[in-house]
N, C-alpha and C. Protein backbone atom coordinates (compact mmCIF):
# COMPACT_ATOMS: atom_id res chain seq x y z
N MET A 1 106.71 63.19 -130.92
CA MET A 1 106.15 61.69 -130.84
C MET A 1 107.54 60.63 -131.01
N ASN A 2 107.20 59.55 -130.48
CA ASN A 2 108.65 58.39 -130.23
C ASN A 2 107.79 57.30 -130.49
N ALA A 3 108.33 56.09 -130.90
CA ALA A 3 107.80 55.02 -131.23
C ALA A 3 107.21 54.34 -130.06
N HIS A 4 107.73 54.85 -128.64
CA HIS A 4 106.91 54.16 -127.57
C HIS A 4 105.87 54.97 -126.80
N ALA A 5 105.49 56.32 -127.33
CA ALA A 5 104.23 56.77 -127.16
C ALA A 5 103.67 57.45 -128.26
N PRO A 6 102.95 56.63 -129.24
CA PRO A 6 102.48 57.23 -130.33
C PRO A 6 101.38 58.35 -130.02
N HIS A 7 101.23 59.30 -131.07
CA HIS A 7 100.31 60.17 -130.80
C HIS A 7 99.03 59.80 -131.22
N THR A 8 97.79 59.87 -130.66
CA THR A 8 96.34 59.45 -130.93
C THR A 8 95.90 60.79 -131.26
N ALA A 9 95.18 61.15 -132.32
CA ALA A 9 94.43 62.29 -132.64
C ALA A 9 93.29 62.28 -131.87
N GLU A 10 92.66 63.37 -131.57
CA GLU A 10 91.43 63.42 -130.50
C GLU A 10 90.49 62.97 -131.14
N GLN A 11 90.17 62.73 -132.53
CA GLN A 11 89.07 62.20 -133.17
C GLN A 11 89.09 60.66 -132.89
N PHE A 12 90.04 60.01 -132.49
CA PHE A 12 89.94 58.52 -132.45
C PHE A 12 89.92 58.13 -131.06
N ASP A 13 89.58 56.81 -130.92
CA ASP A 13 89.43 56.48 -129.45
C ASP A 13 90.77 55.96 -129.06
N ASP A 14 91.46 55.16 -129.83
CA ASP A 14 92.83 54.88 -129.74
C ASP A 14 93.59 54.55 -130.77
N ALA A 15 94.81 54.12 -130.56
CA ALA A 15 95.85 54.07 -131.50
C ALA A 15 95.28 52.89 -132.86
N ALA A 16 94.71 51.84 -132.34
CA ALA A 16 94.13 50.86 -133.18
C ALA A 16 93.01 51.60 -134.29
N GLN A 17 92.16 52.09 -133.66
CA GLN A 17 91.17 53.01 -134.57
C GLN A 17 91.84 53.91 -135.54
N GLN A 18 92.65 54.47 -134.99
CA GLN A 18 93.61 55.74 -135.82
C GLN A 18 94.39 54.85 -137.00
N ARG A 19 94.57 53.58 -136.76
CA ARG A 19 95.54 52.91 -137.74
C ARG A 19 94.54 52.45 -138.82
N ASP A 20 93.42 51.93 -138.45
CA ASP A 20 92.47 51.48 -139.43
C ASP A 20 91.89 52.20 -140.27
N ALA A 21 91.73 53.85 -139.61
CA ALA A 21 91.32 54.82 -140.43
C ALA A 21 92.32 55.20 -141.53
N ALA A 22 93.58 55.29 -141.22
CA ALA A 22 94.68 55.75 -141.95
C ALA A 22 94.85 54.63 -143.33
N THR A 23 94.67 53.25 -142.92
CA THR A 23 94.73 52.30 -143.73
C THR A 23 93.56 52.26 -144.60
N LEU A 24 92.36 52.56 -144.13
CA LEU A 24 91.28 52.81 -144.99
C LEU A 24 91.42 53.66 -146.13
N GLY A 25 91.89 54.81 -145.73
CA GLY A 25 92.03 56.20 -146.59
C GLY A 25 93.20 55.77 -147.27
N MET A 26 94.07 55.31 -147.23
CA MET A 26 95.07 54.90 -148.24
C MET A 26 94.37 54.00 -149.20
N TRP A 27 93.92 52.81 -148.66
CA TRP A 27 93.26 52.21 -149.83
C TRP A 27 91.97 52.72 -150.82
N ALA A 28 91.43 53.89 -150.29
CA ALA A 28 90.49 54.38 -150.68
C ALA A 28 91.25 55.31 -151.97
N PHE A 29 92.41 55.87 -151.46
CA PHE A 29 93.12 56.71 -152.45
C PHE A 29 93.77 55.80 -153.65
N LEU A 30 94.27 54.70 -153.24
CA LEU A 30 94.78 53.91 -154.20
C LEU A 30 93.63 53.32 -155.11
N ALA A 31 92.52 52.99 -154.68
CA ALA A 31 91.39 52.89 -155.82
C ALA A 31 90.80 53.85 -156.52
N THR A 32 91.39 55.05 -156.19
CA THR A 32 90.93 56.42 -157.32
C THR A 32 92.06 56.09 -158.26
N GLU A 33 93.42 55.82 -157.76
CA GLU A 33 94.48 55.83 -158.74
C GLU A 33 94.44 54.40 -159.78
N VAL A 34 93.95 53.35 -159.19
CA VAL A 34 93.62 52.40 -160.06
C VAL A 34 92.65 52.72 -161.10
N LEU A 35 91.60 53.44 -160.75
CA LEU A 35 90.62 53.64 -161.65
C LEU A 35 91.30 54.79 -163.03
N PHE A 36 92.20 55.60 -162.29
CA PHE A 36 92.90 56.33 -163.37
C PHE A 36 93.51 55.85 -164.61
N PHE A 37 94.24 54.87 -163.92
CA PHE A 37 95.32 53.96 -164.84
C PHE A 37 94.54 52.89 -165.55
N GLY A 38 93.40 52.58 -165.11
CA GLY A 38 92.34 51.52 -165.43
C GLY A 38 91.97 52.25 -167.05
N VAL A 39 91.60 53.44 -166.64
CA VAL A 39 91.14 54.06 -167.97
C VAL A 39 92.16 54.11 -169.13
N LEU A 40 93.31 54.45 -168.69
CA LEU A 40 94.33 54.60 -169.80
C LEU A 40 94.81 53.18 -170.08
N PHE A 41 94.70 52.08 -169.46
CA PHE A 41 94.67 50.57 -169.97
C PHE A 41 93.60 50.21 -170.94
N ALA A 42 92.35 50.60 -170.33
CA ALA A 42 91.08 50.34 -171.18
C ALA A 42 91.32 50.90 -172.53
N ALA A 43 91.68 52.22 -172.67
CA ALA A 43 91.70 52.97 -173.91
C ALA A 43 92.77 52.02 -174.79
N TYR A 44 93.77 51.79 -174.03
CA TYR A 44 94.82 51.12 -174.97
C TYR A 44 94.30 49.59 -175.57
N THR A 45 93.59 48.94 -174.66
CA THR A 45 92.89 47.78 -175.12
C THR A 45 91.87 47.84 -176.14
N VAL A 46 91.02 48.90 -176.16
CA VAL A 46 90.30 49.07 -177.29
C VAL A 46 91.20 49.45 -178.55
N CYS A 47 92.06 50.35 -178.41
CA CYS A 47 92.95 50.60 -179.70
C CYS A 47 93.62 49.39 -180.16
N ARG A 48 94.38 48.85 -179.31
CA ARG A 48 94.77 47.41 -179.65
C ARG A 48 93.92 46.52 -180.29
N VAL A 49 92.90 46.26 -180.11
CA VAL A 49 91.69 45.28 -180.89
C VAL A 49 91.62 46.06 -182.18
N ILE A 50 91.35 47.19 -182.14
CA ILE A 50 91.09 47.71 -183.41
C ILE A 50 92.41 48.15 -184.37
N TRP A 51 93.30 48.48 -183.92
CA TRP A 51 94.76 48.33 -184.91
C TRP A 51 95.71 47.58 -184.32
N PRO A 52 95.62 46.12 -184.29
CA PRO A 52 96.67 45.03 -183.67
C PRO A 52 98.12 45.31 -184.34
N ASP A 53 97.92 45.37 -185.73
CA ASP A 53 99.30 45.29 -186.37
C ASP A 53 100.03 46.78 -186.15
N ALA A 54 99.44 47.74 -186.12
CA ALA A 54 99.85 49.14 -185.85
C ALA A 54 100.31 49.36 -184.57
N PHE A 55 99.88 48.70 -183.70
CA PHE A 55 100.22 48.79 -182.13
C PHE A 55 101.41 47.74 -182.06
N ALA A 56 101.62 46.44 -182.69
CA ALA A 56 102.39 45.51 -182.50
C ALA A 56 103.70 46.51 -183.17
N SER A 57 103.65 46.91 -184.34
CA SER A 57 104.51 47.51 -184.94
C SER A 57 105.09 48.64 -184.15
N ALA A 58 104.66 49.62 -183.63
CA ALA A 58 104.89 50.44 -182.83
C ALA A 58 105.66 50.03 -181.49
N SER A 59 105.16 49.20 -180.81
CA SER A 59 105.84 48.38 -179.76
C SER A 59 107.21 48.09 -179.82
N ARG A 60 107.49 47.50 -181.14
CA ARG A 60 108.90 47.23 -181.48
C ARG A 60 109.84 48.48 -181.33
N HIS A 61 109.22 49.64 -181.29
CA HIS A 61 110.14 50.71 -180.93
C HIS A 61 110.73 50.77 -179.72
N THR A 62 110.04 50.19 -178.54
CA THR A 62 110.35 50.48 -177.18
C THR A 62 111.50 49.40 -177.13
N ASP A 63 112.27 49.54 -176.05
CA ASP A 63 113.32 48.86 -175.60
C ASP A 63 113.25 47.90 -174.60
N LEU A 64 113.00 46.88 -175.11
CA LEU A 64 112.66 45.51 -174.35
C LEU A 64 113.57 45.21 -173.23
N THR A 65 114.82 45.58 -173.47
CA THR A 65 116.04 45.18 -172.34
C THR A 65 115.92 46.07 -171.24
N LEU A 66 115.54 47.60 -171.49
CA LEU A 66 115.66 48.36 -170.57
C LEU A 66 114.23 48.03 -169.42
N GLY A 67 113.26 47.90 -170.60
CA GLY A 67 111.92 47.80 -169.93
C GLY A 67 112.09 46.79 -168.80
N GLY A 68 112.54 45.73 -169.28
CA GLY A 68 112.79 44.44 -168.59
C GLY A 68 113.56 44.85 -167.01
N LEU A 69 114.89 45.50 -167.25
CA LEU A 69 115.56 45.96 -166.08
C LEU A 69 114.97 47.09 -165.27
N GLU A 70 113.85 47.70 -165.84
CA GLU A 70 113.40 48.49 -165.15
C GLU A 70 112.37 47.86 -163.90
N THR A 71 111.61 46.87 -164.81
CA THR A 71 110.81 45.92 -164.13
C THR A 71 111.48 45.21 -162.75
N ALA A 72 112.61 44.61 -163.31
CA ALA A 72 113.33 44.00 -162.05
C ALA A 72 113.59 44.92 -160.87
N ILE A 73 114.13 46.27 -161.39
CA ILE A 73 114.21 47.20 -160.34
C ILE A 73 113.20 47.45 -159.44
N LEU A 74 111.99 47.81 -159.86
CA LEU A 74 110.61 48.02 -159.21
C LEU A 74 110.22 46.68 -158.30
N LEU A 75 110.36 45.56 -159.04
CA LEU A 75 110.08 44.40 -158.13
C LEU A 75 110.96 44.14 -156.96
N THR A 76 112.47 44.37 -157.23
CA THR A 76 113.04 44.42 -156.25
C THR A 76 112.76 45.58 -154.97
N SER A 77 112.70 46.57 -155.47
CA SER A 77 112.26 47.72 -154.59
C SER A 77 111.02 47.48 -153.61
N SER A 78 109.99 46.53 -154.46
CA SER A 78 108.93 46.38 -153.35
C SER A 78 109.23 45.42 -152.32
N PHE A 79 110.33 44.50 -152.62
CA PHE A 79 110.80 43.59 -151.40
C PHE A 79 111.47 44.29 -150.45
N THR A 80 112.29 45.30 -150.76
CA THR A 80 113.12 45.83 -149.78
C THR A 80 112.16 47.05 -148.95
N VAL A 81 111.20 47.33 -149.49
CA VAL A 81 110.36 48.17 -148.67
C VAL A 81 109.56 47.30 -147.65
N ALA A 82 108.80 46.16 -148.13
CA ALA A 82 108.40 45.34 -147.30
C ALA A 82 109.23 44.92 -146.33
N LEU A 83 110.68 44.61 -146.58
CA LEU A 83 111.68 44.17 -145.30
C LEU A 83 111.74 45.07 -144.29
N ALA A 84 111.64 46.68 -144.96
CA ALA A 84 112.00 47.69 -144.10
C ALA A 84 110.48 47.76 -143.08
N VAL A 85 109.29 47.62 -143.37
CA VAL A 85 108.35 47.49 -142.57
C VAL A 85 108.42 46.55 -141.72
N ARG A 86 108.60 45.35 -142.08
CA ARG A 86 108.95 44.01 -141.17
C ARG A 86 110.03 44.03 -140.03
N ASP A 87 110.95 44.87 -140.45
CA ASP A 87 112.14 45.19 -139.49
C ASP A 87 111.59 46.16 -138.33
N VAL A 88 110.87 47.23 -138.72
CA VAL A 88 110.42 48.20 -137.71
C VAL A 88 109.34 47.56 -136.83
N GLN A 89 108.41 46.54 -137.39
CA GLN A 89 107.62 45.72 -136.56
C GLN A 89 108.29 44.80 -135.56
N LEU A 90 109.26 44.46 -136.00
CA LEU A 90 110.11 43.76 -134.94
C LEU A 90 111.02 44.47 -134.02
N GLY A 91 111.05 45.70 -134.00
CA GLY A 91 111.76 46.78 -133.35
C GLY A 91 112.82 47.22 -133.84
N GLY A 92 113.21 46.86 -135.05
CA GLY A 92 114.43 47.41 -135.60
C GLY A 92 114.32 48.89 -136.03
N ARG A 93 115.52 49.29 -136.52
CA ARG A 93 115.46 51.05 -136.79
C ARG A 93 116.64 51.26 -138.21
N ARG A 94 117.92 50.69 -137.88
CA ARG A 94 119.12 50.99 -138.63
C ARG A 94 118.73 50.02 -140.12
N LEU A 95 118.33 48.78 -139.77
CA LEU A 95 118.23 48.01 -141.08
C LEU A 95 117.16 48.78 -141.91
N ALA A 96 115.90 48.78 -141.14
CA ALA A 96 114.93 49.58 -141.95
C ALA A 96 115.18 50.81 -142.59
N THR A 97 115.92 51.71 -141.75
CA THR A 97 116.48 53.13 -142.63
C THR A 97 117.32 52.99 -143.87
N GLY A 98 118.00 51.86 -143.65
CA GLY A 98 118.89 51.57 -144.84
C GLY A 98 118.14 50.94 -145.98
N LEU A 99 117.12 50.10 -145.46
CA LEU A 99 116.56 49.47 -146.87
C LEU A 99 115.49 50.86 -147.39
N LEU A 100 114.74 51.63 -146.64
CA LEU A 100 114.01 52.54 -147.23
C LEU A 100 114.92 53.55 -147.98
N CYS A 101 116.12 53.83 -147.67
CA CYS A 101 116.88 54.41 -148.68
C CYS A 101 117.41 53.85 -149.71
N GLY A 102 117.59 52.59 -149.65
CA GLY A 102 117.62 51.78 -150.76
C GLY A 102 116.75 51.52 -151.51
N THR A 103 115.31 51.58 -151.20
CA THR A 103 114.24 51.50 -152.06
C THR A 103 113.96 52.78 -152.78
N ALA A 104 114.31 54.17 -152.44
CA ALA A 104 114.15 55.23 -152.76
C ALA A 104 115.37 55.42 -153.92
N VAL A 105 116.67 54.84 -153.75
CA VAL A 105 117.80 54.74 -154.80
C VAL A 105 117.06 54.19 -155.62
N LEU A 106 116.68 52.66 -155.92
CA LEU A 106 116.27 52.06 -156.61
C LEU A 106 115.27 52.63 -157.59
N GLY A 107 114.14 53.68 -157.00
CA GLY A 107 113.32 54.29 -157.77
C GLY A 107 114.02 55.40 -158.47
N LEU A 108 115.23 56.12 -157.72
CA LEU A 108 115.91 57.19 -158.68
C LEU A 108 116.51 56.33 -159.90
N VAL A 109 116.98 55.30 -159.79
CA VAL A 109 117.70 54.43 -160.57
C VAL A 109 116.44 54.29 -162.02
N PHE A 110 115.34 53.65 -161.46
CA PHE A 110 114.41 53.29 -162.41
C PHE A 110 114.14 54.83 -163.15
N LEU A 111 114.12 56.13 -162.56
CA LEU A 111 113.59 57.20 -163.31
C LEU A 111 114.86 57.76 -164.04
N ALA A 112 116.15 57.05 -163.86
CA ALA A 112 117.22 57.55 -164.73
C ALA A 112 117.03 56.66 -166.04
N ILE A 113 116.76 55.56 -165.96
CA ILE A 113 116.63 54.67 -166.84
C ILE A 113 115.54 54.86 -167.84
N HIS A 114 114.51 55.45 -167.25
CA HIS A 114 113.39 55.80 -168.05
C HIS A 114 113.51 57.38 -168.83
N GLY A 115 114.31 58.01 -168.30
CA GLY A 115 114.80 59.12 -168.72
C GLY A 115 115.57 59.09 -170.08
N PHE A 116 116.33 57.88 -169.88
CA PHE A 116 117.26 57.66 -170.93
C PHE A 116 116.51 57.07 -172.30
N GLU A 117 115.61 56.40 -171.76
CA GLU A 117 114.49 55.90 -172.77
C GLU A 117 113.84 57.00 -173.76
N TYR A 118 113.28 57.69 -172.70
CA TYR A 118 112.65 59.19 -173.49
C TYR A 118 113.75 59.87 -174.31
N TYR A 119 115.11 60.07 -173.95
CA TYR A 119 116.03 60.77 -175.07
C TYR A 119 116.28 59.94 -176.17
N HIS A 120 116.26 58.67 -176.00
CA HIS A 120 116.37 57.64 -177.24
C HIS A 120 115.18 57.79 -178.00
N ASP A 121 114.01 57.84 -177.50
CA ASP A 121 112.61 57.97 -178.43
C ASP A 121 112.94 59.52 -179.05
N TYR A 122 113.40 60.54 -178.48
CA TYR A 122 113.34 61.74 -178.99
C TYR A 122 114.49 61.74 -180.20
N LYS A 123 115.47 61.06 -180.07
CA LYS A 123 116.15 60.99 -181.28
C LYS A 123 115.88 60.17 -182.20
N ALA A 124 115.00 59.05 -182.00
CA ALA A 124 114.15 58.39 -182.78
C ALA A 124 113.20 58.94 -183.35
N ALA A 125 112.69 59.99 -182.88
CA ALA A 125 111.50 60.98 -183.38
C ALA A 125 110.25 60.26 -183.30
N VAL A 126 109.79 59.59 -182.13
CA VAL A 126 108.71 58.94 -182.19
C VAL A 126 107.84 59.53 -180.81
N ILE A 127 107.96 60.96 -180.50
CA ILE A 127 107.56 61.43 -179.61
C ILE A 127 106.40 62.37 -180.21
N PRO A 128 105.10 61.92 -180.14
CA PRO A 128 103.84 62.89 -180.71
C PRO A 128 103.96 64.50 -180.16
N GLY A 129 103.91 65.38 -181.06
CA GLY A 129 103.72 66.84 -180.35
C GLY A 129 105.25 67.40 -180.12
N ILE A 130 105.99 66.71 -180.25
CA ILE A 130 107.40 67.08 -179.85
C ILE A 130 108.23 66.83 -181.09
N ARG A 131 108.61 65.37 -181.50
CA ARG A 131 109.40 65.32 -182.45
C ARG A 131 108.89 63.88 -183.00
N TYR A 132 108.20 63.92 -183.92
CA TYR A 132 107.40 62.66 -184.71
C TYR A 132 107.51 62.47 -186.23
N GLU A 133 108.29 61.54 -186.37
CA GLU A 133 108.72 61.73 -187.92
C GLU A 133 108.47 60.22 -188.57
N GLU A 134 107.58 59.37 -187.81
CA GLU A 134 107.06 58.06 -188.46
C GLU A 134 106.26 58.16 -189.55
N VAL A 135 106.49 57.59 -190.89
CA VAL A 135 105.69 57.50 -191.93
C VAL A 135 105.13 56.05 -192.34
N GLY A 136 104.44 55.81 -193.29
CA GLY A 136 103.90 54.49 -193.53
C GLY A 136 102.43 54.64 -193.24
N GLY A 137 101.83 53.47 -193.76
CA GLY A 137 100.55 53.14 -193.72
C GLY A 137 99.91 53.00 -192.23
N PHE A 138 100.72 52.76 -191.07
CA PHE A 138 100.36 52.57 -189.84
C PHE A 138 100.81 53.91 -189.12
N ALA A 139 101.24 54.86 -189.59
CA ALA A 139 101.80 56.16 -189.12
C ALA A 139 100.77 56.96 -188.06
N ALA A 140 99.68 56.97 -188.45
CA ALA A 140 98.48 57.65 -187.58
C ALA A 140 98.39 57.01 -186.28
N GLN A 141 98.07 55.65 -186.66
CA GLN A 141 97.92 54.53 -185.42
C GLN A 141 98.82 54.47 -184.49
N GLU A 142 100.40 54.45 -185.04
CA GLU A 142 101.33 54.25 -184.17
C GLU A 142 101.54 55.73 -183.28
N ARG A 143 101.33 56.61 -183.96
CA ARG A 143 101.21 57.97 -183.14
C ARG A 143 100.32 57.56 -182.16
N LEU A 144 99.04 56.99 -182.06
CA LEU A 144 98.13 57.04 -180.76
C LEU A 144 98.95 56.11 -179.89
N PHE A 145 99.52 55.12 -180.48
CA PHE A 145 100.30 54.19 -179.21
C PHE A 145 101.19 55.01 -178.65
N PHE A 146 102.20 55.73 -179.27
CA PHE A 146 102.96 56.40 -178.65
C PHE A 146 102.58 57.54 -177.47
N PHE A 147 101.23 58.07 -177.72
CA PHE A 147 100.59 59.05 -177.08
C PHE A 147 100.14 58.39 -175.65
N LEU A 148 99.58 57.14 -176.02
CA LEU A 148 99.22 56.58 -174.71
C LEU A 148 100.44 55.97 -173.95
N TYR A 149 101.46 55.65 -174.50
CA TYR A 149 102.55 55.23 -174.13
C TYR A 149 103.34 56.37 -173.15
N TYR A 150 103.34 57.50 -173.70
CA TYR A 150 104.02 58.56 -173.00
C TYR A 150 103.08 59.11 -171.71
N VAL A 151 101.72 59.26 -171.94
CA VAL A 151 100.75 59.53 -170.91
C VAL A 151 101.02 58.37 -169.72
N THR A 152 100.89 57.30 -170.22
CA THR A 152 100.86 56.06 -169.26
C THR A 152 102.18 56.28 -168.32
N THR A 153 103.13 56.03 -169.09
CA THR A 153 104.54 56.11 -168.42
C THR A 153 104.93 57.34 -167.71
N GLY A 154 104.36 58.60 -168.39
CA GLY A 154 104.88 59.79 -167.73
C GLY A 154 104.13 59.86 -166.24
N PHE A 155 102.74 59.52 -166.17
CA PHE A 155 102.14 59.51 -165.10
C PHE A 155 102.54 58.77 -163.88
N HIS A 156 103.17 57.58 -164.61
CA HIS A 156 103.73 56.56 -163.62
C HIS A 156 104.96 57.03 -162.89
N ALA A 157 106.03 57.54 -163.99
CA ALA A 157 107.28 58.36 -163.35
C ALA A 157 106.80 59.43 -162.57
N LEU A 158 105.91 60.12 -162.50
CA LEU A 158 105.33 61.22 -161.58
C LEU A 158 105.03 60.67 -160.05
N HIS A 159 104.50 59.25 -160.28
CA HIS A 159 104.08 58.60 -159.09
C HIS A 159 105.18 57.99 -158.27
N VAL A 160 106.15 57.46 -159.19
CA VAL A 160 107.53 57.01 -158.40
C VAL A 160 108.26 58.45 -158.01
N SER A 161 108.35 59.61 -158.53
CA SER A 161 108.95 60.55 -158.14
C SER A 161 108.34 60.91 -156.31
N VAL A 162 106.88 60.99 -156.55
CA VAL A 162 106.36 61.25 -155.40
C VAL A 162 106.67 60.11 -154.31
N GLY A 163 106.85 59.06 -154.71
CA GLY A 163 106.98 57.78 -153.89
C GLY A 163 108.60 57.66 -153.21
N VAL A 164 109.62 58.11 -154.08
CA VAL A 164 110.97 58.60 -153.67
C VAL A 164 110.90 59.48 -152.37
N VAL A 165 110.17 60.74 -152.73
CA VAL A 165 110.31 61.42 -151.66
C VAL A 165 109.55 61.18 -150.36
N VAL A 166 108.40 60.47 -150.63
CA VAL A 166 107.78 59.96 -149.55
C VAL A 166 108.75 58.65 -148.89
N LEU A 167 109.57 58.10 -149.30
CA LEU A 167 110.26 57.01 -148.95
C LEU A 167 111.37 57.59 -147.96
N LEU A 168 112.14 58.78 -148.81
CA LEU A 168 112.98 59.52 -148.01
C LEU A 168 112.63 60.09 -146.67
N THR A 169 111.44 60.48 -146.54
CA THR A 169 111.05 60.97 -145.59
C THR A 169 110.66 60.07 -144.34
N MET A 170 110.01 58.87 -145.10
CA MET A 170 109.92 57.77 -143.88
C MET A 170 111.15 57.47 -143.42
N ALA A 171 112.22 57.16 -144.20
CA ALA A 171 113.59 56.77 -143.84
C ALA A 171 114.17 57.90 -142.69
N LEU A 172 113.96 59.05 -142.86
CA LEU A 172 114.32 59.92 -142.00
C LEU A 172 113.66 60.06 -140.77
N ARG A 173 112.44 59.57 -140.56
CA ARG A 173 111.60 59.48 -139.43
C ARG A 173 111.86 58.19 -138.77
N THR A 174 112.24 57.00 -139.31
CA THR A 174 112.65 55.85 -139.11
C THR A 174 113.94 56.08 -138.10
N HIS A 175 114.77 56.39 -138.91
CA HIS A 175 116.06 57.02 -138.35
C HIS A 175 116.11 57.56 -136.87
N ARG A 176 114.97 58.46 -136.84
CA ARG A 176 114.75 59.40 -135.75
C ARG A 176 113.92 58.48 -134.46
N ALA A 177 113.63 57.25 -134.90
CA ALA A 177 112.97 56.23 -133.95
C ALA A 177 111.41 57.00 -134.07
N ALA A 178 111.05 57.41 -134.83
CA ALA A 178 109.50 57.74 -135.04
C ALA A 178 108.52 56.58 -134.83
N PHE A 179 109.00 55.52 -135.43
CA PHE A 179 108.27 54.22 -135.58
C PHE A 179 108.87 53.14 -134.67
N GLY A 180 107.85 52.21 -134.40
CA GLY A 180 108.22 51.03 -133.60
C GLY A 180 107.30 49.99 -133.63
N PRO A 181 107.47 48.83 -132.95
CA PRO A 181 106.26 47.99 -133.01
C PRO A 181 105.06 48.42 -132.78
N GLY A 182 104.83 49.34 -131.98
CA GLY A 182 103.30 49.82 -131.59
C GLY A 182 102.88 50.67 -132.33
N TYR A 183 103.78 51.41 -133.17
CA TYR A 183 103.21 52.69 -133.96
C TYR A 183 104.25 52.78 -135.37
N HIS A 184 103.52 52.18 -136.59
CA HIS A 184 104.30 52.30 -137.98
C HIS A 184 103.51 52.57 -138.93
N THR A 185 102.17 53.25 -138.59
CA THR A 185 101.06 53.21 -139.49
C THR A 185 101.71 54.19 -140.75
N PRO A 186 102.23 55.33 -140.47
CA PRO A 186 102.68 55.99 -141.94
C PRO A 186 103.48 55.20 -142.65
N LEU A 187 104.30 54.34 -142.01
CA LEU A 187 105.37 53.48 -142.70
C LEU A 187 104.69 52.49 -143.53
N GLU A 188 103.65 52.10 -143.05
CA GLU A 188 102.70 50.89 -143.90
C GLU A 188 102.18 51.44 -144.94
N VAL A 189 101.43 52.50 -144.85
CA VAL A 189 100.51 53.19 -145.79
C VAL A 189 101.48 53.73 -146.88
N SER A 190 102.78 54.02 -146.54
CA SER A 190 103.63 54.61 -147.46
C SER A 190 104.27 53.34 -148.32
N ALA A 191 104.36 52.18 -147.82
CA ALA A 191 104.78 51.00 -148.61
C ALA A 191 103.55 50.77 -149.46
N LEU A 192 102.34 50.76 -149.03
CA LEU A 192 101.10 50.44 -149.84
C LEU A 192 101.07 51.17 -151.01
N TYR A 193 101.55 52.41 -151.12
CA TYR A 193 101.39 53.23 -151.97
C TYR A 193 102.50 52.99 -153.14
N TRP A 194 103.84 52.51 -152.47
CA TRP A 194 104.83 52.25 -153.30
C TRP A 194 104.71 50.50 -154.11
N HIS A 195 103.87 50.09 -153.39
CA HIS A 195 103.42 48.68 -154.02
C HIS A 195 102.83 48.69 -155.33
N LEU A 196 101.53 49.98 -155.14
CA LEU A 196 100.76 50.20 -156.22
C LEU A 196 101.53 50.58 -157.29
N VAL A 197 102.78 51.52 -157.03
CA VAL A 197 103.54 52.09 -158.09
C VAL A 197 104.13 50.77 -158.85
N ASP A 198 104.52 49.78 -158.17
CA ASP A 198 105.31 48.53 -159.05
C ASP A 198 104.06 47.70 -159.61
N ILE A 199 102.82 47.49 -159.02
CA ILE A 199 101.65 46.81 -159.84
C ILE A 199 101.52 47.53 -161.08
N VAL A 200 101.34 48.70 -160.93
CA VAL A 200 101.06 49.51 -162.30
C VAL A 200 101.85 49.03 -163.51
N TRP A 201 103.23 49.06 -163.02
CA TRP A 201 104.16 49.01 -163.96
C TRP A 201 104.41 47.35 -164.57
N ILE A 202 103.75 46.58 -163.56
CA ILE A 202 103.53 45.20 -163.94
C ILE A 202 102.79 44.89 -165.28
N PHE A 203 101.86 46.14 -165.22
CA PHE A 203 100.78 46.25 -166.39
C PHE A 203 101.18 46.74 -167.86
N VAL A 204 102.23 47.78 -167.24
CA VAL A 204 102.80 48.60 -168.53
C VAL A 204 103.63 47.76 -169.08
N PHE A 205 104.64 46.88 -168.56
CA PHE A 205 105.87 46.46 -169.14
C PHE A 205 105.00 45.20 -170.33
N PRO A 206 104.18 44.40 -169.88
CA PRO A 206 103.74 43.74 -171.07
C PRO A 206 102.97 44.03 -172.27
N LEU A 207 101.98 45.34 -171.76
CA LEU A 207 101.11 46.02 -172.77
C LEU A 207 102.09 46.79 -173.76
N TYR A 208 102.92 47.48 -173.45
CA TYR A 208 103.68 48.42 -174.30
C TYR A 208 105.07 47.72 -174.55
N TYR A 209 105.70 47.05 -174.08
CA TYR A 209 106.90 46.44 -174.46
C TYR A 209 106.92 45.08 -175.15
N GLN A 210 105.99 44.03 -174.75
CA GLN A 210 106.27 43.09 -175.19
C GLN A 210 104.95 42.58 -176.42
N VAL A 211 103.96 43.40 -176.37
CA VAL A 211 102.96 43.23 -177.40
C VAL A 211 103.32 43.02 -178.67
N GLY A 212 104.22 43.57 -179.25
CA GLY A 212 104.82 43.36 -180.58
C GLY A 212 105.85 42.45 -180.99
N ARG A 213 106.28 41.78 -179.80
CA ARG A 213 107.06 40.53 -179.74
C ARG A 213 106.76 39.37 -179.59
N ALA A 214 105.46 39.13 -179.20
CA ALA A 214 104.81 37.86 -179.12
C ALA A 214 105.17 36.93 -180.14
């Protein structure tokens, strides 16, 4: 398949219908992901209301500088992937390939920084079930904060990892001229997935990194 002769599966009447179906399918998938992270955010909110001082104290163990840097990286990556899609829509290929690779690299940088955070947390002994040595009146409630923090950020990091693989695949296909103005649906739905990854982090950053510093 090439950009000038897009393949239309036999169950679809035309390429436009196939595109609409793929887009709807991705939105449905993203809705389930929103529900998944929504449960985690709801649990955090309830616990935060019940134990505000403990959660504020635990939040001060997070690295605000690194969290802010991670936020900037993901916001930048959303911009670059959007530019890549637009370039393909306009008939470009080389720039789009570079932008997709750049977006994947930003995702890898994010994961590297987050891995460094986890290593720092391990040294600080604030990882429940692995190494947790917090003491004091808020120790039990802070343990719950860190449990929610690692579950939420761990699953987010998993989504970032999947996104990096998808983006590199899209970059390869773009380089091979698989997409063009007439057909770029896989690239569009991949970009939608990556935007979800960024949006989730926009909620993670203030909840877990800034709540104790207000």
